[in-house]
Amino acid sequence: MSKVSKQRRDGETIDVSINNFIQLMRRSLHLPAQTLCDPNWSEICHLAYVQRMAGVISFGLDGLEPPAPPETQRVLKNKMLERGMYTDKLLFDADAFVDKLHEAGVECLILKGPYLRRLYPHPYLRQMSDVDLFVREEDRESALAIAERLGYTLEFSDIGDTTVNIGIPKSGFLELHSIALDSVSYVAGTDPMFTSPWSYARPDPELSRHGLFLHDEECFIFVVQHFAKHMEFKGAGLRMLLDVALMSRLESVDWASVQARMEVLSLKHFTDVLFALAGRYLDVEPPEGWTPVHVSDEMITETLYYLLNRDNPGYSAESITSLNIRRRRSVVKGARVRFFFRQAFPSVKRMRGKRQYAYLKACPVLLPAAWVHRAVYVVFKEHAALGELLRALLQRRKVVDSKRSMLSWLGISRLFDDLGQEK
């Protein structure tokens, strides 16, 4: 990436290409937008790919003056159609799987994507890489057996029972959750929605024949909580911010109630920051009934850059990662130690979801033997997995300080403080 040029806007300094990208986002949502400033189309396309927002940017090019180069329009439109059709096929296959679960008497909750997709001006603006499904723990084995009968592949997550990836040939992945909604998160259990989601489930025939969906209020709480979790574990991007901004327009939500629940979850400040970001860059005001607090320009800009830097090797740390984040690094030795021991000595709960350690369900006292079994398996059967683990540990050592500082600033540092602790 070329040396970053800067442009002053509304009191903060952001990169010109980022500002151009945001203006195209605004255009796709039919919001007033500024004229692009000397757009670097290669950078804009790259951002669209890594942020999974090719559809959003492609729609933003419609009617643009002066128009984007024909090749840029073609590339982005093709990417939008490719991902849009992929998402259509994935949702079709997911609904067919939910139908089979229904025939077997298994209720299924469909999370996020399909519901959020219809909030956009066009469904192809909201790309999806998988579909999150939730079944009761007692229905888990039945659901997996149905998936296997249909010829789907099963990939058990390293965190055990929490997630199983179900691979559909020529389609994509379904993520099957079966414990509690986002049970690895620090907020699970502090709101009844996370321990008893079925009390907040409703059918929606327009989205699925037999699948259930969370009510609007609970869906917003889940999306923000999921956003906070991704900020630590996998990285979060501007697409999640768009989801929050569009949901904040829902008039069916009792926002005073949501605010009270967010305060219990320690997510009120984080939500204020997201609303401030949406207000600054998308002109989306906090919903009526929500009492916002002042969020500094520095925090808004820092969070924007943090979202832009999600798993993004195409940009250098000097150009995208904020210098202020690096200046606020702090040492979190406890988190490092807990992370290492969690990887080296997993709990029974984490290991019993793996089929090679299924004996732990009947005899959990064999856990030390399972650790030896796992070590031998990784060394002799999964050399690549061992390398990935070592690289992850080294990378964690490098980034834990700056991420811990940023998360603490946003009020979600307990994700890091509790790293490695079993729930």
Protein backbone atom coordinates (compact mmCIF):
# COMPACT_ATOMS: atom_id res chain seq x y z
CA MET A 1 0.00 0.00 0.00
CA SER A 2 1.30 3.46 -0.84
CA LYS A 3 2.17 5.97 1.85
CA VAL A 4 -1.04 6.95 3.56
CA SER A 5 -2.50 10.26 2.52
CA LYS A 6 -4.76 12.00 5.01
CA GLN A 7 -7.96 13.98 4.78
CA ARG A 8 -9.60 16.02 7.53
CA ARG A 9 -13.29 15.24 7.99
CA ASP A 10 -15.63 16.13 10.86
CA GLY A 11 -12.78 16.69 13.30
CA GLU A 12 -10.92 13.40 12.80
CA THR A 13 -8.23 12.30 10.38
CA ILE A 14 -8.82 9.16 8.33
CA ASP A 15 -7.20 7.67 5.28
CA VAL A 16 -8.57 8.94 1.94
CA SER A 17 -9.22 5.42 0.62
CA ILE A 18 -11.10 4.55 3.79
CA ASN A 19 -13.21 7.67 3.47
CA ASN A 20 -13.95 6.80 -0.17
CA PHE A 21 -14.93 3.29 0.92
CA ILE A 22 -17.30 4.70 3.55
CA GLN A 23 -18.91 7.04 1.01
CA LEU A 24 -19.62 4.04 -1.25
CA MET A 25 -21.14 2.23 1.74
CA ARG A 26 -23.41 5.23 2.30
CA ARG A 27 -24.47 5.28 -1.36
CA SER A 28 -25.43 1.60 -1.24
CA LEU A 29 -27.73 2.35 1.73
CA HIS A 30 -29.25 5.35 -0.10
CA LEU A 31 -27.65 7.85 2.29
CA PRO A 32 -26.20 11.23 1.26
CA ALA A 33 -22.55 10.81 0.31
CA GLN A 34 -19.60 13.01 -0.50
CA THR A 35 -17.84 13.02 -3.86
CA LEU A 36 -14.96 10.54 -3.89
CA CYS A 37 -11.52 12.06 -3.52
CA ASP A 38 -8.97 10.74 -6.04
CA PRO A 39 -10.11 7.11 -5.56
CA ASN A 40 -7.54 4.34 -5.67
CA TRP A 41 -9.75 1.58 -7.08
CA SER A 42 -7.25 -1.17 -6.35
CA GLU A 43 -7.30 -0.31 -2.64
CA ILE A 44 -11.10 0.01 -2.61
CA CYS A 45 -11.51 -3.41 -4.26
CA HIS A 46 -9.06 -4.94 -1.79
CA LEU A 47 -10.97 -3.52 1.16
CA ALA A 48 -14.24 -4.80 -0.34
CA TYR A 49 -12.82 -8.33 -0.56
CA VAL A 50 -11.30 -8.55 2.91
CA GLN A 51 -14.36 -6.94 4.51
CA ARG A 52 -16.68 -9.28 2.55
CA MET A 53 -18.55 -6.29 1.23
CA ALA A 54 -18.17 -6.60 -2.56
CA GLY A 55 -21.97 -6.41 -2.89
CA VAL A 56 -22.20 -3.23 -0.83
CA ILE A 57 -19.48 -1.47 -2.82
CA SER A 58 -20.83 -2.72 -6.16
CA PHE A 59 -24.25 -1.21 -5.35
CA GLY A 60 -22.49 1.98 -4.25
CA LEU A 61 -21.02 2.37 -7.75
CA ASP A 62 -24.46 2.70 -9.37
CA GLY A 63 -24.91 6.22 -10.71
CA LEU A 64 -21.50 7.33 -9.45
CA GLU A 65 -20.05 10.42 -11.16
CA PRO A 66 -17.45 10.22 -12.48
CA PRO A 67 -18.03 6.47 -12.89
CA ALA A 68 -15.60 3.84 -11.71
CA PRO A 69 -13.44 2.18 -14.39
CA PRO A 70 -15.40 -0.50 -16.33
CA GLU A 71 -13.02 -3.23 -15.16
CA THR A 72 -13.60 -2.27 -11.49
CA GLN A 73 -17.36 -2.34 -12.00
CA ARG A 74 -17.17 -5.71 -13.71
CA VAL A 75 -14.93 -7.31 -11.07
CA LEU A 76 -17.04 -6.09 -8.14
CA LYS A 77 -20.33 -6.99 -9.80
CA ASN A 78 -19.09 -10.51 -10.63
CA LYS A 79 -17.89 -10.96 -7.06
CA MET A 80 -21.24 -9.74 -5.74
CA LEU A 81 -23.15 -12.18 -7.99
CA GLU A 82 -20.81 -15.03 -7.14
CA ARG A 83 -21.18 -14.54 -3.37
CA GLY A 84 -24.87 -13.75 -3.65
CA MET A 85 -25.60 -16.99 -5.50
CA TYR A 86 -23.39 -18.88 -3.06
CA THR A 87 -25.45 -17.45 -0.20
CA ASP A 88 -28.73 -18.33 -1.95
CA LYS A 89 -27.58 -21.94 -2.40
CA LEU A 90 -26.32 -22.14 1.18
CA LEU A 91 -29.64 -20.87 2.57
CA PHE A 92 -31.60 -23.29 0.35
CA ASP A 93 -29.55 -26.25 1.61
CA ALA A 94 -29.74 -25.02 5.21
CA ASP A 95 -33.53 -24.84 5.02
CA ALA A 96 -33.66 -28.35 3.53
CA PHE A 97 -31.58 -29.60 6.47
CA VAL A 98 -33.87 -27.79 8.93
CA ASP A 99 -36.84 -29.51 7.21
CA LYS A 100 -35.24 -32.91 7.92
CA LEU A 101 -34.68 -31.92 11.54
CA HIS A 102 -38.33 -30.90 11.78
CA GLU A 103 -39.46 -34.29 10.41
CA ALA A 104 -37.43 -35.93 13.17
CA GLY A 105 -39.00 -33.71 15.83
CA VAL A 106 -35.89 -31.56 16.34
CA GLU A 107 -36.48 -27.82 16.73
CA CYS A 108 -33.83 -25.57 15.20
CA LEU A 109 -33.03 -21.92 15.81
CA ILE A 110 -31.47 -20.07 12.86
CA LEU A 111 -29.17 -17.24 13.95
CA LYS A 112 -28.13 -13.91 12.45
CA GLY A 113 -27.50 -14.09 8.71
CA PRO A 114 -30.88 -14.91 7.08
CA TYR A 115 -32.67 -12.52 9.43
CA LEU A 116 -30.12 -9.71 8.96
CA ARG A 117 -30.03 -10.14 5.20
CA ARG A 118 -33.52 -8.78 4.70
CA LEU A 119 -32.69 -5.55 6.54
CA TYR A 120 -30.52 -4.47 3.61
CA PRO A 121 -31.89 -2.66 0.52
CA HIS A 122 -31.03 -5.78 -1.49
CA PRO A 123 -30.20 -9.25 -0.09
CA TYR A 124 -27.01 -9.47 -2.16
CA LEU A 125 -25.54 -6.66 -0.07
CA ARG A 126 -25.31 -9.10 2.88
CA GLN A 127 -22.92 -11.92 2.01
CA MET A 128 -22.72 -15.03 4.17
CA SER A 129 -19.96 -17.62 4.51
CA ASP A 130 -21.96 -20.04 6.68
CA VAL A 131 -25.27 -20.42 8.50
CA ASP A 132 -25.41 -20.67 12.30
CA LEU A 133 -27.93 -23.19 13.65
CA PHE A 134 -28.80 -23.99 17.26
CA VAL A 135 -30.41 -27.16 18.62
CA ARG A 136 -31.02 -28.42 22.13
CA GLU A 137 -28.14 -30.36 23.63
CA GLU A 138 -30.28 -33.49 23.91
CA ASP A 139 -31.02 -33.26 20.15
CA ARG A 140 -27.40 -32.88 19.13
CA GLU A 141 -26.67 -36.52 18.28
CA SER A 142 -29.93 -36.85 16.33
CA ALA A 143 -29.08 -33.76 14.30
CA LEU A 144 -25.59 -35.05 13.51
CA ALA A 145 -26.96 -38.46 12.53
CA ILE A 146 -29.38 -36.77 10.11
CA ALA A 147 -26.50 -34.77 8.62
CA GLU A 148 -24.47 -37.93 8.09
CA ARG A 149 -27.41 -39.73 6.46
CA LEU A 150 -27.67 -36.83 4.03
CA GLY A 151 -24.02 -37.32 3.09
CA TYR A 152 -22.76 -34.20 4.82
CA THR A 153 -19.30 -34.11 6.40
CA LEU A 154 -18.78 -33.36 10.09
CA GLU A 155 -15.86 -31.37 11.43
CA PHE A 156 -15.74 -31.16 15.20
CA SER A 157 -14.48 -27.90 16.65
CA ASP A 158 -11.51 -27.96 19.00
CA ILE A 159 -13.75 -26.42 21.66
CA GLY A 160 -15.73 -29.65 21.79
CA ASP A 161 -19.49 -29.72 22.07
CA THR A 162 -20.00 -26.05 21.34
CA THR A 163 -19.75 -26.18 17.56
CA VAL A 164 -19.78 -28.76 14.78
CA ASN A 165 -19.17 -27.64 11.21
CA ILE A 166 -21.47 -29.49 8.82
CA GLY A 167 -20.11 -29.46 5.28
CA ILE A 168 -22.65 -29.63 2.45
CA PRO A 169 -21.10 -30.79 -0.86
CA LYS A 170 -21.02 -28.02 -3.50
CA SER A 171 -22.60 -25.60 -1.05
CA GLY A 172 -20.84 -24.52 2.15
CA PHE A 173 -20.85 -24.95 5.91
CA LEU A 174 -23.50 -24.93 8.58
CA GLU A 175 -22.34 -24.27 12.14
CA LEU A 176 -24.34 -26.39 14.56
CA HIS A 177 -24.35 -25.08 18.14
CA SER A 178 -25.78 -27.20 20.93
CA ILE A 179 -24.80 -25.89 24.38
CA ALA A 180 -25.79 -22.27 25.00
CA LEU A 181 -25.78 -19.41 22.58
CA ASP A 182 -22.11 -18.43 22.25
CA SER A 183 -21.32 -20.38 25.40
CA VAL A 184 -17.62 -19.52 25.18
CA SER A 185 -18.47 -15.87 25.66
CA TYR A 186 -18.09 -14.16 29.00
CA VAL A 187 -21.72 -13.03 28.99
CA ALA A 188 -23.37 -16.45 28.63
CA GLY A 189 -25.73 -17.06 31.51
CA THR A 190 -26.11 -13.44 32.59
CA ASP A 191 -29.18 -12.88 30.42
CA PRO A 192 -32.02 -15.42 30.21
CA MET A 193 -31.86 -15.32 26.42
CA PHE A 194 -28.48 -17.06 26.49
CA THR A 195 -29.61 -19.93 28.72
CA SER A 196 -33.20 -20.26 27.53
CA PRO A 197 -33.28 -19.08 23.89
CA TRP A 198 -36.37 -21.12 23.05
CA SER A 199 -38.46 -18.76 25.17
CA TYR A 200 -37.57 -16.01 22.68
CA ALA A 201 -37.95 -18.03 19.47
CA ARG A 202 -40.59 -17.45 16.81
CA PRO A 203 -41.36 -18.88 13.37
CA ASP A 204 -40.92 -16.75 10.28
CA PRO A 205 -42.31 -18.50 7.17
CA GLU A 206 -40.86 -15.80 4.92
CA LEU A 207 -37.35 -16.83 5.94
CA SER A 208 -37.69 -20.55 6.63
CA ARG A 209 -40.39 -23.21 6.40
CA HIS A 210 -39.67 -24.76 9.80
CA GLY A 211 -36.76 -22.82 11.31
CA LEU A 212 -37.18 -20.52 14.31
CA PHE A 213 -35.68 -17.05 14.80
CA LEU A 214 -35.00 -14.82 17.80
CA HIS A 215 -37.30 -11.87 18.42
CA ASP A 216 -35.92 -8.52 17.27
CA GLU A 217 -34.80 -7.42 20.74
CA GLU A 218 -33.00 -10.66 21.53
CA CYS A 219 -31.48 -10.77 18.05
CA PHE A 220 -29.93 -7.33 18.56
CA ILE A 221 -28.50 -8.37 21.94
CA PHE A 222 -27.09 -11.53 20.41
CA VAL A 223 -25.56 -9.67 17.44
CA VAL A 224 -23.79 -7.12 19.68
CA GLN A 225 -22.57 -9.83 22.04
CA HIS A 226 -21.35 -11.85 19.04
CA PHE A 227 -19.64 -8.71 17.72
CA ALA A 228 -17.81 -8.29 21.06
CA LYS A 229 -16.71 -11.92 21.00
CA HIS A 230 -15.38 -11.59 17.46
CA MET A 231 -13.40 -8.50 18.46
CA GLU A 232 -11.21 -10.83 20.51
CA PHE A 233 -11.37 -14.29 19.00
CA LYS A 234 -11.62 -13.93 15.21
CA GLY A 235 -11.65 -10.27 14.33
CA ALA A 236 -14.63 -8.12 13.41
CA GLY A 237 -15.23 -5.93 10.41
CA LEU A 238 -17.42 -3.20 8.97
CA ARG A 239 -20.09 -5.71 7.89
CA MET A 240 -20.93 -6.32 11.55
CA LEU A 241 -21.14 -2.57 12.09
CA LEU A 242 -23.63 -2.33 9.20
CA ASP A 243 -25.72 -5.07 10.82
CA VAL A 244 -25.89 -3.10 14.08
CA ALA A 245 -26.66 0.17 12.28
CA LEU A 246 -29.55 -1.33 10.32
CA MET A 247 -30.98 -3.09 13.38
CA SER A 248 -30.94 0.18 15.32
CA ARG A 249 -33.69 1.40 12.98
CA LEU A 250 -36.14 -1.31 14.11
CA GLU A 251 -39.20 0.30 15.66
CA SER A 252 -40.40 -3.01 17.10
CA VAL A 253 -37.63 -3.03 19.71
CA ASP A 254 -38.06 -1.67 23.23
CA TRP A 255 -34.72 0.13 23.30
CA ALA A 256 -35.02 1.15 26.97
CA SER A 257 -35.30 -2.55 27.81
CA VAL A 258 -32.33 -3.39 25.57
CA GLN A 259 -30.26 -0.70 27.30
CA ALA A 260 -31.05 -2.14 30.73
CA ARG A 261 -30.08 -5.64 29.57
CA MET A 262 -26.89 -4.36 27.96
CA GLU A 263 -25.88 -2.73 31.23
CA VAL A 264 -26.28 -6.08 33.01
CA LEU A 265 -24.15 -7.70 30.30
CA SER A 266 -21.48 -4.97 30.63
CA LEU A 267 -22.01 -4.18 26.94
CA LYS A 268 -23.64 -0.75 27.23
CA HIS A 269 -20.40 1.18 26.62
CA PHE A 270 -19.46 -1.05 23.67
CA THR A 271 -22.90 -0.51 22.13
CA ASP A 272 -22.53 3.26 22.64
CA VAL A 273 -19.27 3.12 20.67
CA LEU A 274 -20.97 1.18 17.84
CA PHE A 275 -23.84 3.70 17.73
CA ALA A 276 -21.30 6.54 17.70
CA LEU A 277 -19.50 4.92 14.76
CA ALA A 278 -22.80 4.46 12.91
CA GLY A 279 -23.72 8.07 13.62
CA ARG A 280 -20.37 9.49 12.52
CA TYR A 281 -19.97 7.54 9.29
CA LEU A 282 -23.50 6.43 8.35
CA ASP A 283 -25.70 9.20 9.82
CA VAL A 284 -27.62 6.57 11.80
CA GLU A 285 -28.69 8.09 15.11
CA PRO A 286 -29.13 6.04 18.32
CA PRO A 287 -32.68 4.68 18.50
CA GLU A 288 -35.38 6.40 20.50
CA GLY A 289 -35.38 5.09 24.06
CA TRP A 290 -31.61 4.57 24.15
CA THR A 291 -29.63 7.02 26.30
CA PRO A 292 -26.25 7.48 24.61
CA VAL A 293 -23.12 8.73 26.31
CA HIS A 294 -20.44 10.89 24.74
CA VAL A 295 -17.80 8.92 22.82
CA SER A 296 -14.60 10.77 21.98
CA ASP A 297 -13.46 11.31 18.40
CA GLU A 298 -10.29 9.40 19.22
CA MET A 299 -12.22 6.33 20.34
CA ILE A 300 -14.45 6.43 17.25
CA THR A 301 -11.45 6.62 14.92
CA GLU A 302 -9.50 3.97 16.86
CA THR A 303 -12.40 1.53 16.67
CA LEU A 304 -12.86 2.17 12.95
CA TYR A 305 -9.22 1.33 12.29
CA TYR A 306 -9.46 -1.73 14.50
CA LEU A 307 -12.39 -3.01 12.42
CA LEU A 308 -10.52 -2.28 9.20
CA ASN A 309 -7.53 -4.31 10.39
CA ARG A 310 -9.41 -7.61 10.78
CA ASP A 311 -7.25 -10.49 9.48
CA ASN A 312 -6.00 -8.12 6.82
CA PRO A 313 -2.46 -9.00 5.65
CA GLY A 314 -2.83 -6.82 2.57
CA TYR A 315 -2.38 -3.65 4.61
CA SER A 316 0.72 -2.76 6.57
CA ALA A 317 0.53 -2.12 10.29
CA GLU A 318 1.84 1.41 9.70
CA SER A 319 -1.00 2.33 7.35
CA ILE A 320 -4.05 0.77 8.95
CA THR A 321 -3.30 -0.12 12.57
CA SER A 322 -3.57 3.01 14.67
CA LEU A 323 -0.37 4.18 16.31
CA ASN A 324 -2.39 5.06 19.40
CA ILE A 325 -3.35 1.41 19.87
CA ARG A 326 0.30 0.37 19.83
CA ARG A 327 1.24 3.16 22.25
CA ARG A 328 -1.27 1.83 24.78
CA ARG A 329 0.13 -1.71 24.90
CA SER A 330 0.12 -3.45 28.26
CA VAL A 331 1.56 -6.75 29.43
CA VAL A 332 -0.97 -9.48 30.19
CA LYS A 333 1.15 -12.37 31.40
CA GLY A 334 -1.75 -14.21 33.02
CA ALA A 335 -3.68 -14.35 29.74
CA ARG A 336 -0.67 -15.80 27.95
CA VAL A 337 -0.14 -18.51 30.56
CA ARG A 338 -3.82 -19.48 30.66
CA PHE A 339 -3.95 -19.58 26.86
CA PHE A 340 -0.95 -21.94 26.70
CA PHE A 341 -2.33 -24.33 29.33
CA ARG A 342 -5.77 -24.31 27.72
CA GLN A 343 -4.20 -25.41 24.42
CA ALA A 344 -1.87 -28.00 25.97
CA PHE A 345 -4.29 -29.48 28.52
CA PRO A 346 -7.91 -29.17 27.30
CA SER A 347 -10.76 -29.92 29.69
CA VAL A 348 -13.08 -32.90 29.42
CA LYS A 349 -15.80 -30.58 28.11
CA ARG A 350 -13.59 -29.44 25.24
CA MET A 351 -12.23 -32.88 24.30
CA ARG A 352 -15.27 -35.12 24.50
CA GLY A 353 -16.73 -33.61 21.31
CA LYS A 354 -13.88 -35.13 19.32
CA ARG A 355 -14.74 -38.62 18.21
CA GLN A 356 -11.30 -40.05 19.00
CA TYR A 357 -11.84 -39.06 22.65
CA ALA A 358 -15.48 -40.15 22.91
CA TYR A 359 -14.53 -42.49 25.77
CA LEU A 360 -14.30 -39.42 28.02
CA LYS A 361 -18.08 -39.14 28.07
CA ALA A 362 -18.37 -42.47 29.86
CA CYS A 363 -15.13 -42.23 31.86
CA PRO A 364 -13.92 -38.64 32.41
CA VAL A 365 -11.21 -39.80 34.84
CA LEU A 366 -9.24 -40.88 31.76
CA LEU A 367 -8.56 -37.23 30.94
CA PRO A 368 -4.76 -37.45 31.62
CA ALA A 369 -4.58 -40.45 29.27
CA ALA A 370 -6.53 -38.46 26.67
CA TRP A 371 -3.93 -35.67 26.91
CA VAL A 372 -1.19 -38.20 26.06
CA HIS A 373 -3.40 -39.64 23.29
CA ARG A 374 -3.93 -36.15 21.88
CA ALA A 375 -0.22 -35.29 22.02
CA VAL A 376 0.72 -38.47 20.13
CA TYR A 377 -2.06 -37.87 17.61
CA VAL A 378 -0.99 -34.30 16.92
CA VAL A 379 2.72 -35.12 16.62
CA PHE A 380 2.37 -38.17 14.37
CA LYS A 381 -0.91 -37.55 12.54
CA GLU A 382 -1.35 -33.81 12.34
CA HIS A 383 2.02 -32.15 11.73
CA ALA A 384 0.24 -29.22 10.09
CA ALA A 385 -2.03 -28.82 13.11
CA LEU A 386 1.01 -28.73 15.42
CA GLY A 387 2.60 -26.05 13.28
CA GLU A 388 -0.60 -24.04 13.32
CA LEU A 389 -0.78 -24.30 17.10
CA LEU A 390 2.81 -23.08 17.51
CA ARG A 391 2.22 -20.21 15.09
CA ALA A 392 -0.98 -19.27 16.93
CA LEU A 393 0.87 -19.18 20.25
CA LEU A 394 3.61 -16.98 18.80
CA GLN A 395 1.12 -14.68 17.13
CA ARG A 396 -0.91 -14.44 20.33
CA ARG A 397 2.22 -13.38 22.18
CA LYS A 398 2.73 -10.53 19.70
CA VAL A 399 -0.78 -9.15 19.59
CA VAL A 400 -2.19 -9.85 23.04
CA ASP A 401 -0.92 -6.57 24.50
CA SER A 402 -2.45 -4.21 21.93
CA LYS A 403 -5.71 -6.17 21.72
CA ARG A 404 -6.06 -6.26 25.50
CA SER A 405 -5.60 -2.49 25.61
CA MET A 406 -8.19 -1.86 22.90
CA LEU A 407 -10.74 -4.25 24.38
CA SER A 408 -10.32 -2.68 27.81
CA TRP A 409 -10.91 0.74 26.27
CA LEU A 410 -14.15 -0.54 24.71
CA GLY A 411 -15.31 -2.07 27.99
CA ILE A 412 -15.11 -5.70 26.85
CA SER A 413 -11.77 -6.69 28.35
CA ARG A 414 -13.29 -9.55 30.36
CA LEU A 415 -13.08 -11.55 27.16
CA PHE A 416 -9.33 -11.36 27.60
CA ASP A 417 -9.26 -11.48 31.39
CA ASP A 418 -11.12 -14.80 31.33
CA LEU A 419 -9.06 -16.28 28.50
CA GLY A 420 -8.54 -19.95 29.17
CA GLN A 421 -10.98 -20.19 32.06
CA GLU A 422 -13.79 -22.74 31.74
CA LYS A 423 -17.34 -21.52 31.98
